[in-house]
């Protein structure tokens, strides 16, 4: 997948940055069955820092199964590109 200017589209970073900057509440489902509800404070290639119930938590990305917004809304709107794959709108 690429953006309109042929740079690789990093959906993971785009999604996390959007929920962080808009202070959206998300639910992180972990592989061990736990759920963490809260807001993203920051992230890097390996971890996500969230605030949940007034506490900061460092979550390793390899332990995450799914991330979903608490409210039912689209975070990233994607459209089909020509032969470029999916592009960010």
N, C-alpha and C. Protein backbone atom coordinates (compact mmCIF):
# COMPACT_ATOMS: atom_id res chain seq x y z
N UNK A 1 0.83 -1.17 0.00
CA UNK A 1 0.00 0.00 0.00
C UNK A 1 0.88 1.24 0.00
N UNK A 2 0.41 2.24 -0.70
CA UNK A 2 1.17 3.48 -0.77
C UNK A 2 0.24 4.66 -0.60
N UNK A 3 0.82 5.82 -0.26
CA UNK A 3 0.06 7.05 -0.25
C UNK A 3 0.11 7.64 -1.65
N UNK A 4 -0.54 8.75 -1.85
CA UNK A 4 -0.56 9.37 -3.16
C UNK A 4 0.81 9.76 -3.67
N UNK A 5 1.77 10.00 -2.77
CA UNK A 5 3.12 10.39 -3.21
C UNK A 5 4.09 9.22 -3.18
N UNK A 6 3.55 7.99 -3.28
CA UNK A 6 4.33 6.74 -3.38
C UNK A 6 5.15 6.40 -2.15
N UNK A 7 4.86 7.00 -1.00
CA UNK A 7 5.50 6.59 0.25
C UNK A 7 4.67 5.43 0.81
N UNK A 8 5.32 4.49 1.49
CA UNK A 8 4.55 3.40 2.10
C UNK A 8 3.54 3.95 3.11
N UNK A 9 2.33 3.44 3.05
CA UNK A 9 1.29 3.86 3.98
C UNK A 9 1.36 2.99 5.22
N UNK A 10 1.61 3.60 6.36
CA UNK A 10 1.70 2.88 7.61
C UNK A 10 0.37 3.06 8.34
N UNK A 11 -0.53 2.12 8.16
CA UNK A 11 -1.86 2.22 8.76
C UNK A 11 -1.81 2.21 10.28
N UNK A 12 -0.91 1.41 10.83
CA UNK A 12 -0.77 1.32 12.28
C UNK A 12 -0.44 2.68 12.88
N UNK A 13 0.59 3.34 12.35
CA UNK A 13 0.97 4.64 12.87
C UNK A 13 -0.10 5.70 12.61
N UNK A 14 -0.72 5.65 11.44
CA UNK A 14 -1.78 6.61 11.11
C UNK A 14 -2.95 6.48 12.09
N UNK A 15 -3.35 5.26 12.36
CA UNK A 15 -4.47 5.01 13.27
C UNK A 15 -4.13 5.48 14.68
N UNK A 16 -2.97 5.06 15.19
CA UNK A 16 -2.59 5.42 16.55
C UNK A 16 -2.40 6.93 16.70
N UNK A 17 -1.82 7.57 15.70
CA UNK A 17 -1.61 9.01 15.76
C UNK A 17 -2.94 9.76 15.75
N UNK A 18 -3.89 9.28 14.97
CA UNK A 18 -5.20 9.93 14.88
C UNK A 18 -5.94 9.83 16.22
N UNK A 19 -5.99 8.65 16.83
CA UNK A 19 -6.69 8.52 18.11
C UNK A 19 -5.95 9.27 19.21
N UNK A 20 -4.61 9.35 19.12
CA UNK A 20 -3.84 10.11 20.10
C UNK A 20 -4.13 11.60 19.99
N UNK A 21 -4.03 12.14 18.77
CA UNK A 21 -4.18 13.58 18.59
C UNK A 21 -5.61 14.05 18.85
N UNK A 22 -6.59 13.19 18.59
CA UNK A 22 -7.99 13.56 18.83
C UNK A 22 -8.49 13.12 20.20
N UNK A 23 -7.58 12.54 21.01
CA UNK A 23 -7.89 12.11 22.37
C UNK A 23 -9.12 11.20 22.43
N UNK A 24 -9.17 10.27 21.47
CA UNK A 24 -10.26 9.30 21.42
C UNK A 24 -10.01 8.18 22.43
N UNK A 25 -11.07 7.70 23.03
CA UNK A 25 -10.97 6.53 23.90
C UNK A 25 -11.03 5.29 23.03
N UNK A 26 -10.10 4.37 23.27
CA UNK A 26 -10.03 3.13 22.50
C UNK A 26 -10.05 1.94 23.45
N UNK A 27 -10.31 0.79 22.88
CA UNK A 27 -10.22 -0.47 23.61
C UNK A 27 -9.11 -1.29 22.95
N UNK A 28 -8.13 -1.69 23.75
CA UNK A 28 -7.05 -2.55 23.27
C UNK A 28 -7.32 -3.95 23.80
N UNK A 29 -7.47 -4.89 22.88
CA UNK A 29 -7.68 -6.30 23.25
C UNK A 29 -6.33 -7.00 23.20
N UNK A 30 -5.94 -7.57 24.32
CA UNK A 30 -4.65 -8.25 24.41
C UNK A 30 -4.80 -9.75 24.12
N UNK A 31 -3.71 -10.35 23.75
CA UNK A 31 -3.73 -11.79 23.42
C UNK A 31 -4.12 -12.66 24.60
N UNK A 32 -3.86 -12.19 25.82
CA UNK A 32 -4.20 -12.98 27.00
C UNK A 32 -5.66 -12.81 27.43
N UNK A 33 -6.45 -12.04 26.64
CA UNK A 33 -7.86 -11.88 26.93
C UNK A 33 -8.22 -10.60 27.66
N UNK A 34 -7.24 -9.91 28.22
CA UNK A 34 -7.53 -8.66 28.92
C UNK A 34 -7.89 -7.57 27.93
N UNK A 35 -8.67 -6.61 28.42
CA UNK A 35 -9.02 -5.42 27.64
C UNK A 35 -8.52 -4.20 28.40
N UNK A 36 -7.95 -3.26 27.68
CA UNK A 36 -7.51 -2.00 28.28
C UNK A 36 -8.27 -0.89 27.56
N UNK A 37 -9.02 -0.10 28.34
CA UNK A 37 -9.75 1.04 27.78
C UNK A 37 -9.04 2.31 28.21
N UNK A 38 -8.83 3.20 27.28
CA UNK A 38 -8.17 4.44 27.65
C UNK A 38 -7.76 5.23 26.43
N UNK A 39 -6.82 6.16 26.66
CA UNK A 39 -6.34 7.03 25.60
C UNK A 39 -4.86 6.79 25.35
N UNK A 40 -4.47 6.92 24.09
CA UNK A 40 -3.07 6.74 23.70
C UNK A 40 -2.31 8.03 24.02
N UNK A 41 -1.20 7.89 24.74
CA UNK A 41 -0.32 9.02 25.02
C UNK A 41 0.84 9.07 24.05
N UNK A 42 1.28 7.91 23.59
CA UNK A 42 2.39 7.85 22.65
C UNK A 42 2.62 6.42 22.22
N UNK A 43 3.47 6.27 21.19
CA UNK A 43 3.77 4.93 20.69
C UNK A 43 5.07 4.99 19.91
N UNK A 44 5.69 3.82 19.77
CA UNK A 44 6.86 3.68 18.91
C UNK A 44 6.71 2.36 18.15
N UNK A 45 7.80 1.84 17.63
CA UNK A 45 7.70 0.60 16.84
C UNK A 45 7.30 -0.61 17.66
N UNK A 46 7.52 -0.57 18.98
CA UNK A 46 7.32 -1.77 19.80
C UNK A 46 6.29 -1.61 20.92
N UNK A 47 5.95 -0.38 21.29
CA UNK A 47 5.10 -0.17 22.46
C UNK A 47 4.04 0.90 22.22
N UNK A 48 3.02 0.87 23.07
CA UNK A 48 1.99 1.91 23.12
C UNK A 48 1.86 2.32 24.58
N UNK A 49 1.90 3.62 24.85
CA UNK A 49 1.65 4.11 26.21
C UNK A 49 0.23 4.63 26.24
N UNK A 50 -0.56 4.10 27.19
CA UNK A 50 -1.95 4.50 27.33
C UNK A 50 -2.21 5.00 28.74
N UNK A 51 -3.20 5.86 28.86
CA UNK A 51 -3.71 6.22 30.17
C UNK A 51 -5.04 5.52 30.33
N UNK A 52 -5.14 4.71 31.38
CA UNK A 52 -6.34 3.96 31.66
C UNK A 52 -6.63 4.05 33.15
N UNK A 53 -7.81 4.49 33.50
CA UNK A 53 -8.24 4.64 34.90
C UNK A 53 -7.25 5.48 35.69
N UNK A 54 -6.75 6.55 35.08
CA UNK A 54 -5.85 7.47 35.76
C UNK A 54 -4.41 7.02 35.87
N UNK A 55 -4.08 5.87 35.29
CA UNK A 55 -2.71 5.35 35.36
C UNK A 55 -2.16 5.18 33.95
N UNK A 56 -0.85 5.38 33.81
CA UNK A 56 -0.21 5.12 32.53
C UNK A 56 0.20 3.66 32.47
N UNK A 57 0.02 3.07 31.29
CA UNK A 57 0.41 1.68 31.07
C UNK A 57 1.23 1.60 29.80
N UNK A 58 2.31 0.86 29.86
CA UNK A 58 3.14 0.58 28.69
C UNK A 58 2.73 -0.81 28.19
N UNK A 59 2.24 -0.86 26.96
CA UNK A 59 1.77 -2.12 26.39
C UNK A 59 2.66 -2.47 25.21
N UNK A 60 3.19 -3.67 25.21
CA UNK A 60 4.00 -4.13 24.08
C UNK A 60 3.09 -4.51 22.92
N UNK A 61 3.41 -4.03 21.74
CA UNK A 61 2.58 -4.28 20.57
C UNK A 61 2.44 -5.77 20.26
N UNK A 62 3.46 -6.56 20.56
CA UNK A 62 3.35 -7.99 20.26
C UNK A 62 2.30 -8.68 21.13
N UNK A 63 1.85 -8.00 22.19
CA UNK A 63 0.82 -8.56 23.07
C UNK A 63 -0.59 -8.13 22.66
N UNK A 64 -0.70 -7.25 21.65
CA UNK A 64 -2.00 -6.72 21.23
C UNK A 64 -2.60 -7.58 20.13
N UNK A 65 -3.88 -7.88 20.31
CA UNK A 65 -4.64 -8.59 19.28
C UNK A 65 -5.35 -7.60 18.37
N UNK A 66 -6.12 -6.68 18.98
CA UNK A 66 -6.97 -5.76 18.23
C UNK A 66 -7.05 -4.43 18.96
N UNK A 67 -7.19 -3.35 18.20
CA UNK A 67 -7.45 -2.02 18.76
C UNK A 67 -8.70 -1.49 18.08
N UNK A 68 -9.66 -1.02 18.89
CA UNK A 68 -10.91 -0.50 18.34
C UNK A 68 -11.30 0.78 19.07
N UNK A 69 -11.89 1.73 18.34
CA UNK A 69 -12.40 2.93 19.01
C UNK A 69 -13.60 2.55 19.88
N UNK A 70 -13.74 3.24 21.00
CA UNK A 70 -14.87 2.97 21.89
C UNK A 70 -16.18 3.36 21.21
N UNK A 71 -16.17 4.50 20.52
CA UNK A 71 -17.35 4.93 19.77
C UNK A 71 -17.31 4.30 18.39
N UNK A 72 -18.46 4.00 17.85
CA UNK A 72 -18.54 3.37 16.54
C UNK A 72 -18.41 4.44 15.44
N UNK A 73 -17.18 4.73 15.06
CA UNK A 73 -16.94 5.73 14.03
C UNK A 73 -15.67 5.37 13.26
N UNK A 74 -15.58 5.87 12.06
CA UNK A 74 -14.39 5.62 11.24
C UNK A 74 -13.27 6.54 11.71
N UNK A 75 -12.10 5.98 11.96
CA UNK A 75 -10.94 6.78 12.35
C UNK A 75 -10.17 7.20 11.11
N UNK A 76 -9.91 6.26 10.22
CA UNK A 76 -9.24 6.55 8.95
C UNK A 76 -10.20 6.25 7.82
N UNK A 77 -10.32 7.18 6.91
CA UNK A 77 -11.15 6.96 5.73
C UNK A 77 -10.22 6.61 4.59
N UNK A 78 -10.40 5.43 4.04
CA UNK A 78 -9.54 4.96 2.96
C UNK A 78 -10.34 4.87 1.67
N UNK A 79 -9.68 5.12 0.58
CA UNK A 79 -10.33 4.97 -0.73
C UNK A 79 -9.42 4.18 -1.63
N UNK A 80 -9.99 3.55 -2.62
CA UNK A 80 -9.19 2.78 -3.57
C UNK A 80 -8.47 3.72 -4.51
N UNK A 81 -7.18 3.45 -4.71
CA UNK A 81 -6.41 4.20 -5.68
C UNK A 81 -6.39 3.46 -7.00
N UNK A 82 -5.75 4.00 -8.01
CA UNK A 82 -5.67 3.33 -9.31
C UNK A 82 -4.91 2.03 -9.14
N UNK A 83 -3.67 1.96 -9.59
CA UNK A 83 -2.88 0.75 -9.38
C UNK A 83 -1.89 0.97 -8.24
N UNK A 84 -2.15 1.96 -7.41
CA UNK A 84 -1.29 2.26 -6.27
C UNK A 84 -1.72 1.48 -5.03
N UNK A 85 -2.86 0.82 -5.06
CA UNK A 85 -3.35 0.14 -3.87
C UNK A 85 -4.30 1.04 -3.12
N UNK A 86 -4.28 1.00 -1.82
CA UNK A 86 -5.16 1.82 -1.00
C UNK A 86 -4.45 3.09 -0.64
N UNK A 87 -5.14 4.21 -0.73
CA UNK A 87 -4.54 5.50 -0.39
C UNK A 87 -5.33 6.14 0.74
N UNK A 88 -4.65 6.96 1.51
CA UNK A 88 -5.30 7.67 2.59
C UNK A 88 -5.99 8.89 2.02
N UNK A 89 -7.26 9.09 2.38
CA UNK A 89 -8.02 10.21 1.84
C UNK A 89 -7.74 11.47 2.62
